[in-house]
Amino acid sequence: MLLEISNLNVILSGLHILQDLSLYVNQGELVVVVGANGSGKSTLLRTIMGMNKPQAGAINFKGTQIGGAASYTIVSRGLCLVAEGRQLFRSLTARENLCLGAYHYRKDKKRVEANLEKVYALFPVLKENSSRIASTFSGGEQQMIALGQGLMSEPELMMIDELSLGLAPKIIETLFKIIKELNQNNMSILLIEQNTRQSLQIADRAYVLETGRIILTGTGKELLDNPTVKEAYLGL
């Protein structure tokens, strides 16, 4: 397994947010976690990235325990988080934001430029507007910058928190296609998403998170056909 989480417990401000949570991501998989607001989805990703300290349980990445490790150490090992809400440096240019993703190898200029070209090939609009200030881009374009910044860190596993949040349907469709393309090119992905239908359609496997506990798991198709998921998340 690339990522294995076992019996994870997280308490924040006296609230037991994650309760005995276990999940895994294999190399090359696209795994989705769906759930309502407040179910603990973002807390899960922040804990994996070392931003929250777990009270109990284990987080293993490539066979090494990373629970509670510093975020910069986790990134250097090949794991990245594209945070919810397109958290860019809004006063910097698109190129400058992208280059921040290459911080741990920033002195290797050829490597930085090579990865920039890969990102630009995926998102041509960013190459055409590389010197524009990030705050002047549309929400969808800012999400492209955020994804590109994550890719610049050369991750083996990319975690994405709420890819579609606040975006127009056409942009959402484009971004989901890009995520699927990245996965088909052997990028392992853990996607947290409220857009249940579209995310389950592209998932290899998926989990349903409810009030800090995993209540269902299966392939994307299995969960799309599950009566509980249909009623609670698809409105059917």
Protein backbone atom coordinates (compact mmCIF):
# COMPACT_ATOMS: atom_id res chain seq x y z
CA MET A 1 0.00 0.00 0.00
CA LEU A 2 1.12 3.53 -0.74
CA LEU A 3 -0.87 5.11 2.11
CA GLU A 4 -2.34 3.15 5.02
CA ILE A 5 -4.29 4.74 7.87
CA SER A 6 -5.23 2.55 10.82
CA ASN A 7 -7.61 3.40 13.68
CA LEU A 8 -6.95 7.13 13.42
CA ASN A 9 -8.37 9.32 16.18
CA VAL A 10 -8.20 13.13 16.15
CA ILE A 11 -9.54 15.44 18.86
CA LEU A 12 -9.68 19.19 18.17
CA SER A 13 -10.93 21.77 20.69
CA GLY A 14 -12.36 18.96 22.78
CA LEU A 15 -14.33 17.46 19.89
CA HIS A 16 -13.62 13.89 18.75
CA ILE A 17 -13.49 14.65 15.00
CA LEU A 18 -12.09 11.37 13.61
CA GLN A 19 -12.96 8.12 15.35
CA ASP A 20 -11.06 4.89 14.68
CA LEU A 21 -10.81 5.76 10.99
CA SER A 22 -9.04 3.32 8.67
CA LEU A 23 -8.47 3.59 4.91
CA TYR A 24 -5.81 2.91 2.33
CA VAL A 25 -4.63 4.01 -1.11
CA ASN A 26 -2.71 1.66 -3.39
CA GLN A 27 -0.14 2.81 -5.95
CA GLY A 28 -1.94 4.16 -9.02
CA GLU A 29 -5.39 4.30 -7.42
CA LEU A 30 -7.91 7.14 -7.45
CA VAL A 31 -9.67 6.95 -4.10
CA VAL A 32 -12.54 9.26 -3.16
CA VAL A 33 -13.90 10.19 0.27
CA VAL A 34 -17.39 11.68 0.27
CA GLY A 35 -19.47 13.02 3.13
CA ALA A 36 -21.48 15.97 4.35
CA ASN A 37 -20.02 19.20 5.72
CA GLY A 38 -18.61 18.62 9.19
CA SER A 39 -18.03 14.91 8.68
CA GLY A 40 -14.25 15.28 9.13
CA LYS A 41 -13.04 15.14 5.53
CA SER A 42 -10.71 18.15 5.67
CA THR A 43 -9.49 17.17 9.13
CA LEU A 44 -8.45 13.81 7.68
CA LEU A 45 -6.27 15.39 5.00
CA ARG A 46 -4.80 17.99 7.34
CA THR A 47 -3.88 15.23 9.78
CA ILE A 48 -2.18 13.17 7.08
CA MET A 49 -0.16 16.28 6.14
CA GLY A 50 1.01 16.84 9.72
CA MET A 51 -1.16 19.89 10.35
CA ASN A 52 -3.12 18.13 13.10
CA LYS A 53 -1.64 15.77 15.67
CA PRO A 54 -3.46 12.43 15.98
CA GLN A 55 -4.32 11.24 19.46
CA ALA A 56 -4.18 7.59 18.41
CA GLY A 57 -3.72 5.43 15.34
CA ALA A 58 -1.10 5.16 12.62
CA ILE A 59 -0.46 6.89 9.29
CA ASN A 60 2.00 5.02 7.08
CA PHE A 61 3.23 6.37 3.75
CA LYS A 62 5.43 4.06 1.66
CA GLY A 63 5.92 1.90 4.75
CA THR A 64 7.07 4.75 7.00
CA GLN A 65 5.08 6.13 9.91
CA ILE A 66 4.41 9.85 9.25
CA GLY A 67 1.73 10.62 11.84
CA GLY A 68 2.69 13.87 13.55
CA ALA A 69 5.72 14.51 11.29
CA ALA A 70 6.41 18.04 10.03
CA SER A 71 4.53 19.00 6.87
CA TYR A 72 7.68 19.90 4.93
CA THR A 73 9.12 16.46 5.67
CA ILE A 74 5.94 14.80 4.44
CA VAL A 75 6.01 16.83 1.20
CA SER A 76 9.64 15.92 0.57
CA ARG A 77 8.70 12.23 0.84
CA GLY A 78 6.25 12.54 -2.05
CA LEU A 79 2.87 13.54 -0.64
CA CYS A 80 1.09 16.83 -1.30
CA LEU A 81 -2.18 18.52 -0.39
CA VAL A 82 -4.17 20.82 -2.68
CA ALA A 83 -6.11 22.57 0.06
CA GLU A 84 -9.76 23.56 0.03
CA GLY A 85 -10.51 27.07 -1.19
CA ARG A 86 -7.61 27.59 -3.61
CA GLN A 87 -5.20 28.90 -0.98
CA LEU A 88 -2.80 30.74 -3.24
CA PHE A 89 -0.48 33.68 -2.64
CA ARG A 90 -2.91 36.02 -4.34
CA SER A 91 -0.46 38.93 -4.78
CA LEU A 92 2.09 36.73 -6.58
CA THR A 93 2.01 35.74 -10.26
CA ALA A 94 0.81 32.39 -11.53
CA ARG A 95 4.41 31.35 -12.23
CA GLU A 96 5.60 32.42 -8.77
CA ASN A 97 2.80 30.41 -7.14
CA LEU A 98 3.72 27.36 -9.19
CA CYS A 99 7.40 27.66 -8.32
CA LEU A 100 6.56 27.66 -4.62
CA GLY A 101 5.49 24.05 -5.11
CA ALA A 102 9.09 23.27 -6.09
CA TYR A 103 10.52 24.70 -2.87
CA HIS A 104 12.31 21.55 -1.68
CA TYR A 105 14.34 21.35 -4.93
CA ARG A 106 14.30 25.08 -5.79
CA LYS A 107 18.06 25.25 -6.40
CA ASP A 108 17.81 22.79 -9.29
CA LYS A 109 16.71 25.28 -11.96
CA LYS A 110 16.55 22.75 -14.81
CA ARG A 111 14.29 20.52 -12.75
CA VAL A 112 12.03 23.44 -11.87
CA GLU A 113 11.73 24.52 -15.52
CA ALA A 114 11.07 20.97 -16.70
CA ASN A 115 8.22 20.59 -14.22
CA LEU A 116 6.84 24.01 -15.13
CA GLU A 117 6.58 22.90 -18.74
CA LYS A 118 4.69 19.77 -17.67
CA VAL A 119 2.21 21.90 -15.75
CA TYR A 120 1.88 24.34 -18.65
CA ALA A 121 1.16 21.44 -21.01
CA LEU A 122 -1.68 20.39 -18.72
CA PHE A 123 -2.98 23.95 -18.21
CA PRO A 124 -2.08 26.06 -21.30
CA VAL A 125 -3.93 29.09 -19.90
CA LEU A 126 -1.33 29.32 -17.13
CA LYS A 127 1.55 29.47 -19.62
CA GLU A 128 -0.23 32.15 -21.63
CA ASN A 129 -0.76 34.20 -18.47
CA SER A 130 2.22 33.18 -16.34
CA SER A 131 3.02 36.77 -15.30
CA ARG A 132 -0.54 37.65 -14.24
CA ILE A 133 -1.29 38.16 -10.56
CA ALA A 134 -3.12 35.14 -9.13
CA SER A 135 -6.03 37.18 -7.75
CA THR A 136 -6.99 38.28 -11.29
CA PHE A 137 -7.71 34.73 -12.47
CA SER A 138 -11.17 33.16 -12.40
CA GLY A 139 -12.00 30.61 -9.70
CA GLY A 140 -11.47 27.73 -12.11
CA GLU A 141 -8.12 29.09 -13.25
CA GLN A 142 -7.05 29.59 -9.65
CA GLN A 143 -7.87 25.95 -9.01
CA MET A 144 -5.62 25.08 -11.95
CA ILE A 145 -2.81 27.07 -10.32
CA ALA A 146 -3.40 25.22 -7.04
CA LEU A 147 -3.30 21.85 -8.79
CA GLY A 148 -0.20 22.88 -10.71
CA GLN A 149 1.50 24.00 -7.52
CA GLY A 150 0.85 20.55 -6.05
CA LEU A 151 2.21 18.83 -9.15
CA MET A 152 5.37 20.94 -8.94
CA SER A 153 6.25 19.14 -5.70
CA GLU A 154 6.57 15.88 -7.70
CA PRO A 155 4.11 13.94 -5.54
CA GLU A 156 3.61 10.19 -5.57
CA LEU A 157 0.26 10.80 -3.91
CA MET A 158 -1.76 13.95 -4.50
CA MET A 159 -4.51 14.75 -2.01
CA ILE A 160 -7.17 17.19 -3.18
CA ASP A 161 -9.69 18.83 -0.86
CA GLU A 162 -12.97 19.88 -2.53
CA LEU A 163 -11.86 20.18 -6.14
CA SER A 164 -15.20 21.54 -7.38
CA LEU A 165 -16.09 23.93 -4.55
CA GLY A 166 -17.70 27.13 -5.87
CA LEU A 167 -16.97 26.43 -9.53
CA ALA A 168 -19.22 26.48 -12.60
CA PRO A 169 -20.39 23.10 -13.99
CA LYS A 170 -18.33 23.39 -17.19
CA ILE A 171 -15.12 24.06 -15.23
CA ILE A 172 -15.91 21.21 -12.84
CA GLU A 173 -16.27 18.82 -15.77
CA THR A 174 -12.90 19.96 -17.18
CA LEU A 175 -11.12 19.56 -13.84
CA PHE A 176 -12.54 16.09 -13.24
CA LYS A 177 -11.28 15.04 -16.69
CA ILE A 178 -7.82 16.36 -15.82
CA ILE A 179 -7.81 14.49 -12.50
CA LYS A 180 -8.76 11.29 -14.29
CA GLU A 181 -6.03 11.91 -16.88
CA LEU A 182 -3.42 12.39 -14.14
CA ASN A 183 -4.52 9.14 -12.54
CA GLN A 184 -4.34 7.27 -15.84
CA ASN A 185 -0.74 8.50 -16.08
CA ASN A 186 -0.03 6.68 -12.79
CA MET A 187 -0.60 9.55 -10.33
CA SER A 188 -2.12 8.20 -7.13
CA ILE A 189 -4.92 10.47 -5.91
CA LEU A 190 -6.96 10.81 -2.72
CA LEU A 191 -9.87 13.12 -3.50
CA ILE A 192 -12.19 14.67 -0.91
CA GLU A 193 -15.33 15.85 -2.63
CA GLN A 194 -18.94 16.92 -2.00
CA ASN A 195 -19.85 16.39 -5.67
CA THR A 196 -20.72 12.79 -4.96
CA ARG A 197 -21.96 11.67 -8.36
CA GLN A 198 -19.05 12.94 -10.46
CA SER A 199 -16.40 11.87 -7.98
CA LEU A 200 -17.75 8.32 -7.64
CA GLN A 201 -17.94 8.03 -11.43
CA ILE A 202 -14.15 8.39 -11.69
CA ALA A 203 -13.18 6.57 -8.48
CA ASP A 204 -11.46 3.20 -8.33
CA ARG A 205 -12.59 2.90 -4.73
CA ALA A 206 -14.45 5.17 -2.34
CA TYR A 207 -15.34 5.72 1.30
CA VAL A 208 -18.34 7.43 2.87
CA LEU A 209 -17.41 9.43 5.97
CA GLU A 210 -20.12 10.35 8.48
CA THR A 211 -19.44 12.18 11.77
CA GLY A 212 -15.83 11.04 11.84
CA ARG A 213 -16.42 7.38 11.00
CA ILE A 214 -16.23 5.39 7.78
CA ILE A 215 -19.71 3.94 7.29
CA LEU A 216 -19.42 2.51 3.76
CA THR A 217 -16.68 1.50 1.35
CA GLY A 218 -16.54 -0.09 -2.09
CA THR A 219 -15.80 0.64 -5.72
CA GLY A 220 -17.12 3.88 -7.15
CA LYS A 221 -19.82 1.98 -9.03
CA GLU A 222 -20.85 0.01 -5.96
CA LEU A 223 -21.40 3.18 -3.96
CA LEU A 224 -23.25 4.88 -6.83
CA ASP A 225 -25.67 1.93 -6.76
CA ASN A 226 -25.90 1.82 -2.95
CA PRO A 227 -29.40 2.76 -1.66
CA THR A 228 -28.00 4.68 1.33
CA VAL A 229 -25.72 6.77 -0.90
CA LYS A 230 -28.52 7.37 -3.39
CA GLU A 231 -30.83 8.67 -0.69
CA ALA A 232 -28.37 10.67 1.40
CA TYR A 233 -26.03 12.08 -1.25
CA LEU A 234 -27.64 11.78 -4.67
CA GLY A 235 -31.19 12.85 -3.80
CA LEU A 236 -32.73 9.72 -5.34
